[in-house]
Amino acid sequence: MKTLIRCLLLALTWLTCTAQAGELVDRLKDGKHVLLMRHAYAPGVGDPPGYKLERCETQRVLNEEGRAQAERAGRWLRAQGLEGARVYSSVWCRCKQTAELLALGAVTVEPSLASFFGSPDQAASSNKKLQAFIASSLATKNLQPLVLVTHQVNIREFTGRDIGSGDMVLARVDAQGRVLDYRIYPSP
């Protein structure tokens, strides 16, 4: 009896995840949703003093755990049917590494995704730039899903919520790129 109940629970979980999966991709193709992802695990907080954006070895970057996490997230997203996405990344190496390891499409660096961790007074202006980028990207009516790999501070300013490394936020936005509502998908 216990085995039967476990099998039924597993089947129900699988069906629920499958229904949510189709929903994720459908929403990303409706021109009203965007998927934001916090970069995968990179040990530490902030960046070392004297870091250079053009030199990854001076920054906090993904370790083995973070690379595996990004690859898992990419496999999970592809299993949901996500492919051929427009993938944008912050200039920080940990974000570019994450975006590339997702293997969802070519990665383009987007300035509005850059971290303002060291300059918290830039939060509001950075968020306005992000909203404008999202609005202009979705206004093209391109049905390719929009995936943005960025930082915890950017996602918190955009949604009002903190999320963990590798977590994703499916956000429904208005015509100005402002969040109307969202759903968090924990890192697979």
N, C-alpha and C. Protein backbone atom coordinates (compact mmCIF):
# COMPACT_ATOMS: atom_id res chain seq x y z
N MET A 1 0.81 -1.19 0.00
CA MET A 1 0.00 0.00 0.00
C MET A 1 0.87 1.26 0.00
N LYS A 2 1.93 1.26 0.84
CA LYS A 2 2.82 2.42 0.89
C LYS A 2 3.47 2.66 -0.46
N THR A 3 3.85 1.58 -1.13
CA THR A 3 4.48 1.70 -2.44
C THR A 3 3.51 2.30 -3.45
N LEU A 4 2.27 1.87 -3.40
CA LEU A 4 1.25 2.40 -4.30
C LEU A 4 1.04 3.89 -4.06
N ILE A 5 0.97 4.29 -2.81
CA ILE A 5 0.78 5.71 -2.47
C ILE A 5 1.98 6.53 -2.95
N ARG A 6 3.19 6.02 -2.75
CA ARG A 6 4.39 6.73 -3.22
C ARG A 6 4.36 6.88 -4.74
N CYS A 7 3.99 5.82 -5.44
CA CYS A 7 3.91 5.89 -6.91
C CYS A 7 2.88 6.90 -7.36
N LEU A 8 1.74 6.92 -6.70
CA LEU A 8 0.71 7.89 -7.04
C LEU A 8 1.17 9.32 -6.78
N LEU A 9 1.85 9.54 -5.66
CA LEU A 9 2.38 10.87 -5.35
C LEU A 9 3.44 11.30 -6.37
N LEU A 10 4.30 10.38 -6.75
CA LEU A 10 5.30 10.70 -7.77
C LEU A 10 4.65 11.03 -9.10
N ALA A 11 3.64 10.28 -9.49
CA ALA A 11 2.94 10.54 -10.74
C ALA A 11 2.24 11.90 -10.70
N LEU A 12 1.60 12.21 -9.57
CA LEU A 12 0.93 13.51 -9.42
C LEU A 12 1.95 14.65 -9.49
N THR A 13 3.09 14.49 -8.84
CA THR A 13 4.15 15.50 -8.88
C THR A 13 4.63 15.69 -10.30
N TRP A 14 4.85 14.60 -11.02
CA TRP A 14 5.32 14.68 -12.41
C TRP A 14 4.30 15.41 -13.27
N LEU A 15 3.01 15.08 -13.12
CA LEU A 15 1.97 15.74 -13.91
C LEU A 15 1.88 17.22 -13.59
N THR A 16 2.01 17.58 -12.32
CA THR A 16 1.96 18.99 -11.93
C THR A 16 3.14 19.73 -12.53
N CYS A 17 4.34 19.17 -12.45
CA CYS A 17 5.53 19.81 -13.02
C CYS A 17 5.42 19.93 -14.53
N THR A 18 4.86 18.91 -15.19
CA THR A 18 4.70 18.95 -16.64
C THR A 18 3.72 20.05 -17.03
N ALA A 19 2.63 20.20 -16.29
CA ALA A 19 1.66 21.26 -16.58
C ALA A 19 2.30 22.62 -16.38
N GLN A 20 3.06 22.77 -15.31
CA GLN A 20 3.74 24.04 -15.06
C GLN A 20 4.77 24.31 -16.13
N ALA A 21 5.43 23.26 -16.63
CA ALA A 21 6.47 23.42 -17.64
C ALA A 21 5.90 24.02 -18.90
N GLY A 22 4.81 23.45 -19.40
CA GLY A 22 4.20 23.99 -20.60
C GLY A 22 3.75 25.42 -20.39
N GLU A 23 3.27 25.70 -19.19
CA GLU A 23 2.83 27.04 -18.85
C GLU A 23 3.99 28.03 -18.90
N LEU A 24 5.15 27.65 -18.41
CA LEU A 24 6.33 28.52 -18.42
C LEU A 24 6.67 28.94 -19.85
N VAL A 25 6.78 27.99 -20.74
CA VAL A 25 7.15 28.28 -22.12
C VAL A 25 6.05 29.08 -22.82
N ASP A 26 4.80 28.69 -22.61
CA ASP A 26 3.68 29.42 -23.22
C ASP A 26 3.70 30.88 -22.80
N ARG A 27 3.91 31.12 -21.53
CA ARG A 27 3.93 32.50 -21.04
C ARG A 27 5.12 33.28 -21.61
N LEU A 28 6.26 32.62 -21.73
CA LEU A 28 7.43 33.32 -22.27
C LEU A 28 7.26 33.69 -23.75
N LYS A 29 6.31 33.06 -24.40
CA LYS A 29 6.08 33.35 -25.82
C LYS A 29 4.91 34.31 -26.04
N ASP A 30 4.29 34.79 -24.95
CA ASP A 30 3.10 35.62 -25.12
C ASP A 30 3.40 37.12 -25.25
N GLY A 31 4.68 37.50 -25.17
CA GLY A 31 5.03 38.91 -25.31
C GLY A 31 4.76 39.75 -24.07
N LYS A 32 4.41 39.09 -22.96
CA LYS A 32 4.12 39.80 -21.72
C LYS A 32 4.97 39.31 -20.55
N HIS A 33 5.79 38.31 -20.81
CA HIS A 33 6.58 37.69 -19.74
C HIS A 33 8.07 37.67 -20.08
N VAL A 34 8.87 37.70 -19.05
CA VAL A 34 10.32 37.61 -19.17
C VAL A 34 10.82 36.70 -18.05
N LEU A 35 11.88 35.95 -18.31
CA LEU A 35 12.48 35.11 -17.29
C LEU A 35 13.79 35.74 -16.86
N LEU A 36 13.87 36.11 -15.59
CA LEU A 36 15.10 36.63 -15.02
C LEU A 36 15.73 35.52 -14.17
N MET A 37 17.02 35.39 -14.28
CA MET A 37 17.73 34.37 -13.50
C MET A 37 18.89 35.03 -12.77
N ARG A 38 19.00 34.70 -11.49
CA ARG A 38 20.19 35.11 -10.76
C ARG A 38 21.31 34.16 -11.16
N HIS A 39 22.49 34.70 -11.39
CA HIS A 39 23.62 33.85 -11.77
C HIS A 39 23.77 32.68 -10.82
N ALA A 40 24.33 31.61 -11.33
CA ALA A 40 24.55 30.40 -10.53
C ALA A 40 25.57 30.69 -9.42
N TYR A 41 25.78 29.71 -8.58
CA TYR A 41 26.59 29.87 -7.38
C TYR A 41 28.03 30.29 -7.68
N ALA A 42 28.41 31.42 -7.10
CA ALA A 42 29.78 31.93 -7.15
C ALA A 42 30.14 32.27 -5.70
N PRO A 43 31.04 31.53 -5.09
CA PRO A 43 31.33 31.72 -3.66
C PRO A 43 31.71 33.15 -3.32
N GLY A 44 31.26 33.57 -2.14
CA GLY A 44 31.61 34.90 -1.64
C GLY A 44 30.48 35.89 -1.81
N VAL A 45 30.81 37.15 -1.52
CA VAL A 45 29.85 38.26 -1.62
C VAL A 45 30.56 39.41 -2.31
N GLY A 46 29.89 40.03 -3.28
CA GLY A 46 30.53 41.14 -3.99
C GLY A 46 31.73 40.64 -4.78
N ASP A 47 32.63 41.55 -5.10
CA ASP A 47 33.85 41.21 -5.83
C ASP A 47 35.06 41.66 -5.04
N PRO A 48 36.20 41.04 -5.28
CA PRO A 48 37.42 41.45 -4.56
C PRO A 48 37.78 42.90 -4.89
N PRO A 49 38.48 43.57 -3.98
CA PRO A 49 38.93 44.93 -4.27
C PRO A 49 39.80 44.94 -5.54
N GLY A 50 39.63 45.94 -6.35
CA GLY A 50 40.44 46.08 -7.56
C GLY A 50 40.02 45.20 -8.73
N TYR A 51 38.85 44.60 -8.66
CA TYR A 51 38.41 43.74 -9.77
C TYR A 51 38.28 44.56 -11.05
N LYS A 52 38.40 43.87 -12.18
CA LYS A 52 38.25 44.48 -13.51
C LYS A 52 37.19 43.69 -14.26
N LEU A 53 36.20 44.38 -14.81
CA LEU A 53 35.12 43.69 -15.54
C LEU A 53 35.65 42.92 -16.75
N GLU A 54 36.72 43.40 -17.35
CA GLU A 54 37.26 42.73 -18.54
C GLU A 54 38.19 41.56 -18.18
N ARG A 55 38.41 41.31 -16.89
CA ARG A 55 39.30 40.23 -16.48
C ARG A 55 38.60 39.33 -15.45
N CYS A 56 38.12 38.20 -15.93
CA CYS A 56 37.37 37.29 -15.07
C CYS A 56 38.18 36.82 -13.86
N GLU A 57 39.47 36.66 -14.02
CA GLU A 57 40.27 36.15 -12.91
C GLU A 57 40.33 37.12 -11.73
N THR A 58 39.87 38.36 -11.91
CA THR A 58 39.85 39.32 -10.80
C THR A 58 38.48 39.39 -10.12
N GLN A 59 37.52 38.67 -10.66
CA GLN A 59 36.14 38.72 -10.16
C GLN A 59 35.77 37.44 -9.42
N ARG A 60 34.64 37.51 -8.75
CA ARG A 60 34.00 36.31 -8.21
C ARG A 60 33.38 35.59 -9.39
N VAL A 61 33.70 34.32 -9.57
CA VAL A 61 33.19 33.55 -10.71
C VAL A 61 32.58 32.24 -10.21
N LEU A 62 31.91 31.54 -11.13
CA LEU A 62 31.32 30.26 -10.77
C LEU A 62 32.40 29.26 -10.41
N ASN A 63 32.15 28.49 -9.37
CA ASN A 63 33.03 27.36 -9.07
C ASN A 63 32.40 26.12 -9.71
N GLU A 64 32.95 24.96 -9.40
CA GLU A 64 32.43 23.71 -9.99
C GLU A 64 30.94 23.53 -9.67
N GLU A 65 30.57 23.81 -8.43
CA GLU A 65 29.16 23.69 -8.03
C GLU A 65 28.28 24.65 -8.84
N GLY A 66 28.75 25.87 -9.05
CA GLY A 66 27.99 26.85 -9.81
C GLY A 66 27.85 26.47 -11.28
N ARG A 67 28.92 25.95 -11.86
CA ARG A 67 28.85 25.51 -13.26
C ARG A 67 27.86 24.36 -13.41
N ALA A 68 27.90 23.41 -12.48
CA ALA A 68 26.94 22.29 -12.52
C ALA A 68 25.51 22.80 -12.33
N GLN A 69 25.32 23.77 -11.46
CA GLN A 69 24.00 24.34 -11.22
C GLN A 69 23.47 25.01 -12.50
N ALA A 70 24.30 25.77 -13.19
CA ALA A 70 23.88 26.44 -14.43
C ALA A 70 23.53 25.41 -15.51
N GLU A 71 24.34 24.37 -15.62
CA GLU A 71 24.04 23.32 -16.61
C GLU A 71 22.72 22.62 -16.29
N ARG A 72 22.47 22.34 -15.01
CA ARG A 72 21.20 21.71 -14.59
C ARG A 72 20.02 22.61 -14.94
N ALA A 73 20.18 23.90 -14.68
CA ALA A 73 19.10 24.84 -14.99
C ALA A 73 18.82 24.85 -16.49
N GLY A 74 19.86 24.83 -17.29
CA GLY A 74 19.68 24.79 -18.74
C GLY A 74 18.97 23.51 -19.19
N ARG A 75 19.38 22.38 -18.62
CA ARG A 75 18.71 21.11 -18.95
C ARG A 75 17.24 21.17 -18.56
N TRP A 76 16.96 21.71 -17.37
CA TRP A 76 15.58 21.81 -16.89
C TRP A 76 14.76 22.70 -17.81
N LEU A 77 15.31 23.85 -18.19
CA LEU A 77 14.58 24.76 -19.08
C LEU A 77 14.33 24.13 -20.45
N ARG A 78 15.33 23.44 -20.98
CA ARG A 78 15.14 22.77 -22.28
C ARG A 78 14.11 21.65 -22.15
N ALA A 79 14.08 20.96 -21.00
CA ALA A 79 13.08 19.91 -20.78
C ALA A 79 11.66 20.49 -20.73
N GLN A 80 11.55 21.76 -20.38
CA GLN A 80 10.26 22.44 -20.37
C GLN A 80 9.84 22.84 -21.78
N GLY A 81 10.75 22.69 -22.75
CA GLY A 81 10.46 23.08 -24.13
C GLY A 81 11.05 24.41 -24.51
N LEU A 82 11.86 25.00 -23.63
CA LEU A 82 12.46 26.30 -23.93
C LEU A 82 13.67 26.10 -24.83
N GLU A 83 13.62 26.71 -25.98
CA GLU A 83 14.75 26.65 -26.92
C GLU A 83 14.74 27.90 -27.77
N GLY A 84 15.86 28.22 -28.36
CA GLY A 84 15.95 29.37 -29.23
C GLY A 84 15.60 30.68 -28.54
N ALA A 85 15.99 30.83 -27.30
CA ALA A 85 15.66 32.03 -26.54
C ALA A 85 16.60 33.18 -26.91
N ARG A 86 16.14 34.38 -26.64
CA ARG A 86 16.99 35.57 -26.68
C ARG A 86 17.59 35.67 -25.28
N VAL A 87 18.89 35.41 -25.16
CA VAL A 87 19.55 35.35 -23.86
C VAL A 87 20.46 36.56 -23.71
N TYR A 88 20.24 37.31 -22.63
CA TYR A 88 21.04 38.49 -22.33
C TYR A 88 21.67 38.30 -20.96
N SER A 89 22.86 38.86 -20.80
CA SER A 89 23.61 38.70 -19.56
C SER A 89 24.22 40.01 -19.11
N SER A 90 24.39 40.12 -17.81
CA SER A 90 25.21 41.19 -17.23
C SER A 90 26.63 41.01 -17.74
N VAL A 91 27.40 42.07 -17.70
CA VAL A 91 28.79 42.03 -18.13
C VAL A 91 29.68 41.22 -17.17
N TRP A 92 29.22 41.03 -15.92
CA TRP A 92 30.03 40.28 -14.95
C TRP A 92 30.21 38.84 -15.44
N CYS A 93 31.41 38.33 -15.25
CA CYS A 93 31.76 36.99 -15.76
C CYS A 93 30.88 35.90 -15.20
N ARG A 94 30.48 35.97 -13.94
CA ARG A 94 29.64 34.92 -13.36
C ARG A 94 28.28 34.85 -14.07
N CYS A 95 27.79 35.98 -14.52
CA CYS A 95 26.52 36.00 -15.28
C CYS A 95 26.73 35.45 -16.68
N LYS A 96 27.80 35.88 -17.33
CA LYS A 96 28.09 35.37 -18.69
C LYS A 96 28.32 33.87 -18.66
N GLN A 97 29.05 33.38 -17.65
CA GLN A 97 29.27 31.94 -17.53
C GLN A 97 27.94 31.21 -17.38
N THR A 98 27.09 31.72 -16.51
CA THR A 98 25.78 31.10 -16.29
C THR A 98 24.99 31.06 -17.59
N ALA A 99 24.90 32.20 -18.26
CA ALA A 99 24.11 32.30 -19.50
C ALA A 99 24.62 31.34 -20.56
N GLU A 100 25.93 31.23 -20.69
CA GLU A 100 26.51 30.33 -21.69
C GLU A 100 26.23 28.87 -21.34
N LEU A 101 26.34 28.53 -20.05
CA LEU A 101 26.12 27.14 -19.62
C LEU A 101 24.65 26.72 -19.71
N LEU A 102 23.73 27.68 -19.76
CA LEU A 102 22.32 27.34 -19.96
C LEU A 102 22.11 26.70 -21.33
N ALA A 103 22.93 27.09 -22.30
CA ALA A 103 22.87 26.54 -23.67
C ALA A 103 21.48 26.71 -24.28
N LEU A 104 20.94 27.92 -24.16
CA LEU A 104 19.62 28.22 -24.72
C LEU A 104 19.69 29.03 -26.01
N GLY A 105 20.85 29.55 -26.31
CA GLY A 105 21.02 30.40 -27.48
C GLY A 105 22.22 31.30 -27.29
N ALA A 106 22.50 32.09 -28.31
CA ALA A 106 23.63 33.03 -28.24
C ALA A 106 23.40 34.00 -27.09
N VAL A 107 24.49 34.39 -26.43
CA VAL A 107 24.41 35.28 -25.28
C VAL A 107 24.91 36.67 -25.68
N THR A 108 24.12 37.68 -25.34
CA THR A 108 24.47 39.07 -25.61
C THR A 108 24.59 39.80 -24.28
N VAL A 109 25.65 40.57 -24.11
CA VAL A 109 25.81 41.37 -22.89
C VAL A 109 24.87 42.58 -22.99
N GLU A 110 24.14 42.81 -21.91
CA GLU A 110 23.19 43.93 -21.85
C GLU A 110 23.52 44.81 -20.64
N PRO A 111 23.89 46.08 -20.88
CA PRO A 111 24.30 46.96 -19.78
C PRO A 111 23.26 47.13 -18.67
N SER A 112 21.98 47.07 -18.98
CA SER A 112 20.96 47.28 -17.95
C SER A 112 20.90 46.14 -16.94
N LEU A 113 21.61 45.05 -17.20
CA LEU A 113 21.65 43.91 -16.28
C LEU A 113 22.84 43.97 -15.32
N ALA A 114 23.69 44.98 -15.47
CA ALA A 114 24.90 45.10 -14.65
C ALA A 114 24.55 45.33 -13.18
N SER A 115 25.37 44.77 -12.32
CA SER A 115 25.17 44.90 -10.88
C SER A 115 25.44 46.33 -10.41
N PHE A 116 24.67 46.75 -9.42
CA PHE A 116 24.93 48.03 -8.74
C PHE A 116 25.21 47.77 -7.26
N PHE A 117 25.67 46.55 -6.95
CA PHE A 117 25.93 46.14 -5.57
C PHE A 117 26.81 47.15 -4.83
N GLY A 118 27.86 47.61 -5.48
CA GLY A 118 28.78 48.55 -4.84
C GLY A 118 28.29 49.99 -4.85
N SER A 119 27.19 50.26 -5.52
CA SER A 119 26.61 51.61 -5.62
C SER A 119 25.10 51.54 -5.42
N PRO A 120 24.65 51.26 -4.21
CA PRO A 120 23.21 51.08 -3.98
C PRO A 120 22.38 52.32 -4.34
N ASP A 121 23.00 53.49 -4.39
CA ASP A 121 22.27 54.70 -4.78
C ASP A 121 21.85 54.67 -6.25
N GLN A 122 22.38 53.70 -7.00
CA GLN A 122 22.03 53.55 -8.42
C GLN A 122 20.85 52.59 -8.65
N ALA A 123 20.28 52.07 -7.58
CA ALA A 123 19.24 51.05 -7.70
C ALA A 123 18.06 51.52 -8.55
N ALA A 124 17.50 52.66 -8.24
CA ALA A 124 16.30 53.13 -8.96
C ALA A 124 16.60 53.40 -10.43
N SER A 125 17.70 54.07 -10.71
CA SER A 125 18.02 54.38 -12.12
C SER A 125 18.37 53.11 -12.89
N SER A 126 19.03 52.17 -12.23
CA SER A 126 19.35 50.90 -12.88
C SER A 126 18.06 50.15 -13.20
N ASN A 127 17.12 50.15 -12.27
CA ASN A 127 15.86 49.45 -12.49
C ASN A 127 15.07 50.09 -13.64
N LYS A 128 15.09 51.40 -13.74
CA LYS A 128 14.40 52.08 -14.85
C LYS A 128 15.00 51.64 -16.19
N LYS A 129 16.33 51.52 -16.25
CA LYS A 129 16.99 51.06 -17.48
C LYS A 129 16.59 49.62 -17.80
N LEU A 130 16.51 48.78 -16.78
CA LEU A 130 16.10 47.39 -16.98
C LEU A 130 14.66 47.34 -17.50
N GLN A 131 13.77 48.11 -16.88
CA GLN A 131 12.38 48.15 -17.34
C GLN A 131 12.29 48.61 -18.80
N ALA A 132 13.06 49.63 -19.16
CA ALA A 132 13.05 50.14 -20.54
C ALA A 132 13.55 49.08 -21.51
N PHE A 133 14.60 48.35 -21.11
CA PHE A 133 15.13 47.29 -21.97
C PHE A 133 14.08 46.19 -22.16
N ILE A 134 13.44 45.77 -21.09
CA ILE A 134 12.42 44.73 -21.19
C ILE A 134 11.27 45.20 -22.07
N ALA A 135 10.81 46.43 -21.83
CA ALA A 135 9.69 46.96 -22.62
C ALA A 135 10.04 47.00 -24.11
N SER A 136 11.22 47.48 -24.44
CA SER A 136 11.59 47.57 -25.87
C SER A 136 11.79 46.18 -26.46
N SER A 137 12.32 45.24 -25.69
CA SER A 137 12.53 43.88 -26.19
C SER A 137 11.21 43.17 -26.45
N LEU A 138 10.26 43.34 -25.56
CA LEU A 138 8.97 42.68 -25.72
C LEU A 138 8.08 43.39 -26.75
N ALA A 139 8.32 44.68 -26.96
CA ALA A 139 7.52 45.45 -27.92
C ALA A 139 7.77 45.00 -29.36
N THR A 140 8.87 44.30 -29.61
CA THR A 140 9.17 43.84 -30.97
C THR A 140 8.23 42.74 -31.42
N LYS A 141 7.45 42.19 -30.48
CA LYS A 141 6.51 41.10 -30.76
C LYS A 141 7.24 39.84 -31.26
N ASN A 142 8.52 39.76 -30.93
CA ASN A 142 9.31 38.57 -31.23
C ASN A 142 8.87 37.49 -30.25
N LEU A 143 8.42 36.38 -30.76
CA LEU A 143 7.90 35.33 -29.88
C LEU A 143 8.99 34.45 -29.28
N GLN A 144 10.25 34.77 -29.55
CA GLN A 144 11.33 34.03 -28.89
C GLN A 144 11.35 34.43 -27.42
N PRO A 145 11.43 33.48 -26.53
CA PRO A 145 11.47 33.81 -25.10
C PRO A 145 12.64 34.72 -24.76
N LEU A 146 12.42 35.60 -23.80
CA LEU A 146 13.42 36.54 -23.32
C LEU A 146 13.95 36.06 -21.98
N VAL A 147 15.25 35.73 -21.92
CA VAL A 147 15.89 35.23 -20.71
C VAL A 147 17.02 36.19 -20.33
N LEU A 148 16.97 36.69 -19.10
CA LEU A 148 17.94 37.67 -18.62
C LEU A 148 18.69 37.12 -17.42
N VAL A 149 20.02 37.04 -17.51
CA VAL A 149 20.84 36.55 -16.40
C VAL A 149 21.50 37.75 -15.74
N THR A 150 21.19 37.92 -14.47
CA THR A 150 21.63 39.13 -13.77
C THR A 150 21.99 38.81 -12.32
N HIS A 151 21.87 39.79 -11.46
CA HIS A 151 22.34 39.70 -10.08
C HIS A 151 21.17 39.81 -9.09
N GLN A 152 21.43 39.38 -7.87
CA GLN A 152 20.43 39.41 -6.81
C GLN A 152 19.92 40.83 -6.59
N VAL A 153 20.80 41.84 -6.56
CA VAL A 153 20.35 43.21 -6.29
C VAL A 153 19.40 43.71 -7.38
N ASN A 154 19.68 43.34 -8.63
CA ASN A 154 18.83 43.77 -9.73
C ASN A 154 17.45 43.14 -9.63
N ILE A 155 17.42 41.84 -9.33
CA ILE A 155 16.15 41.14 -9.22
C ILE A 155 15.36 41.65 -8.02
N ARG A 156 16.03 41.92 -6.92
CA ARG A 156 15.34 42.46 -5.74
C ARG A 156 14.73 43.83 -6.05
N GLU A 157 15.47 44.68 -6.74
CA GLU A 157 14.94 46.01 -7.08
C GLU A 157 13.78 45.89 -8.05
N PHE A 158 13.85 44.93 -8.96
CA PHE A 158 12.82 44.74 -9.98
C PHE A 158 11.53 44.15 -9.40
N THR A 159 11.68 43.14 -8.51
CA THR A 159 10.51 42.42 -8.00
C THR A 159 10.19 42.71 -6.54
N GLY A 160 11.17 43.20 -5.79
CA GLY A 160 10.98 43.38 -4.35
C GLY A 160 11.30 42.14 -3.55
N ARG A 161 11.81 41.08 -4.20
CA ARG A 161 12.10 39.81 -3.53
C ARG A 161 13.56 39.43 -3.70
N ASP A 162 14.12 38.84 -2.67
CA ASP A 162 15.45 38.23 -2.76
C ASP A 162 15.29 36.80 -3.24
N ILE A 163 16.21 36.35 -4.07
CA ILE A 163 16.20 34.95 -4.51
C ILE A 163 17.61 34.40 -4.40
N GLY A 164 17.72 33.09 -4.40
CA GLY A 164 19.00 32.43 -4.26
C GLY A 164 19.74 32.29 -5.58
N SER A 165 20.98 31.90 -5.49
CA SER A 165 21.80 31.66 -6.68
C SER A 165 21.12 30.63 -7.57
N GLY A 166 21.03 30.94 -8.85
CA GLY A 166 20.45 30.02 -9.81
C GLY A 166 18.93 30.00 -9.85
N ASP A 167 18.27 30.72 -8.95
CA ASP A 167 16.81 30.79 -8.97
C ASP A 167 16.35 31.66 -10.13
N MET A 168 15.11 31.44 -10.56
CA MET A 168 14.55 32.17 -11.70
C MET A 168 13.23 32.79 -11.33
N VAL A 169 12.92 33.90 -11.99
CA VAL A 169 11.67 34.61 -11.78
C VAL A 169 10.99 34.79 -13.13
N LEU A 170 9.81 34.25 -13.27
CA LEU A 170 8.99 34.49 -14.45
C LEU A 170 8.12 35.69 -14.12
N ALA A 171 8.37 36.83 -14.79
CA ALA A 171 7.66 38.06 -14.48
C ALA A 171 6.73 38.45 -15.63
N ARG A 172 5.50 38.76 -15.27
CA ARG A 172 4.57 39.36 -16.22
C ARG A 172 4.74 40.87 -16.07
N VAL A 173 4.91 41.56 -17.19
CA VAL A 173 5.20 42.99 -17.15
C VAL A 173 4.18 43.77 -17.96
N ASP A 174 4.10 45.07 -17.67
CA ASP A 174 3.24 45.95 -18.46
C ASP A 174 4.03 46.50 -19.65
N ALA A 175 3.43 47.37 -20.43
CA ALA A 175 4.06 47.90 -21.63
C ALA A 175 5.30 48.73 -21.33
N GLN A 176 5.46 49.19 -20.08
CA GLN A 176 6.65 49.96 -19.68
C GLN A 176 7.72 49.06 -19.03
N GLY A 177 7.46 47.76 -19.01
CA GLY A 177 8.43 46.82 -18.44
C GLY A 177 8.37 46.70 -16.93
N ARG A 178 7.34 47.24 -16.31
CA ARG A 178 7.18 47.14 -14.86
C ARG A 178 6.50 45.82 -14.50
N VAL A 179 6.91 45.25 -13.39
CA VAL A 179 6.37 43.96 -12.94
C VAL A 179 4.92 44.11 -12.50
N LEU A 180 4.07 43.25 -13.04
CA LEU A 180 2.68 43.18 -12.60
C LEU A 180 2.51 42.06 -11.58
N ASP A 181 3.14 40.91 -11.88
CA ASP A 181 3.18 39.79 -10.95
C ASP A 181 4.30 38.87 -11.40
N TYR A 182 4.61 37.90 -10.56
CA TYR A 182 5.73 37.01 -10.89
C TYR A 182 5.59 35.70 -10.15
N ARG A 183 6.36 34.75 -10.64
CA ARG A 183 6.44 33.43 -10.01
C ARG A 183 7.91 33.05 -9.92
N ILE A 184 8.33 32.54 -8.78
CA ILE A 184 9.71 32.12 -8.58
C ILE A 184 9.84 30.63 -8.87
N TYR A 185 10.86 30.29 -9.64
CA TYR A 185 11.21 28.90 -9.89
C TYR A 185 12.57 28.65 -9.22
N PRO A 186 12.59 27.82 -8.19
CA PRO A 186 13.87 27.53 -7.52
C PRO A 186 14.83 26.83 -8.49
N SER A 187 16.10 27.02 -8.24
CA SER A 187 17.13 26.36 -9.04
C SER A 187 16.88 24.85 -9.03
N PRO A 188 16.85 24.23 -10.21
CA PRO A 188 16.58 22.79 -10.25
C PRO A 188 17.70 21.99 -9.60
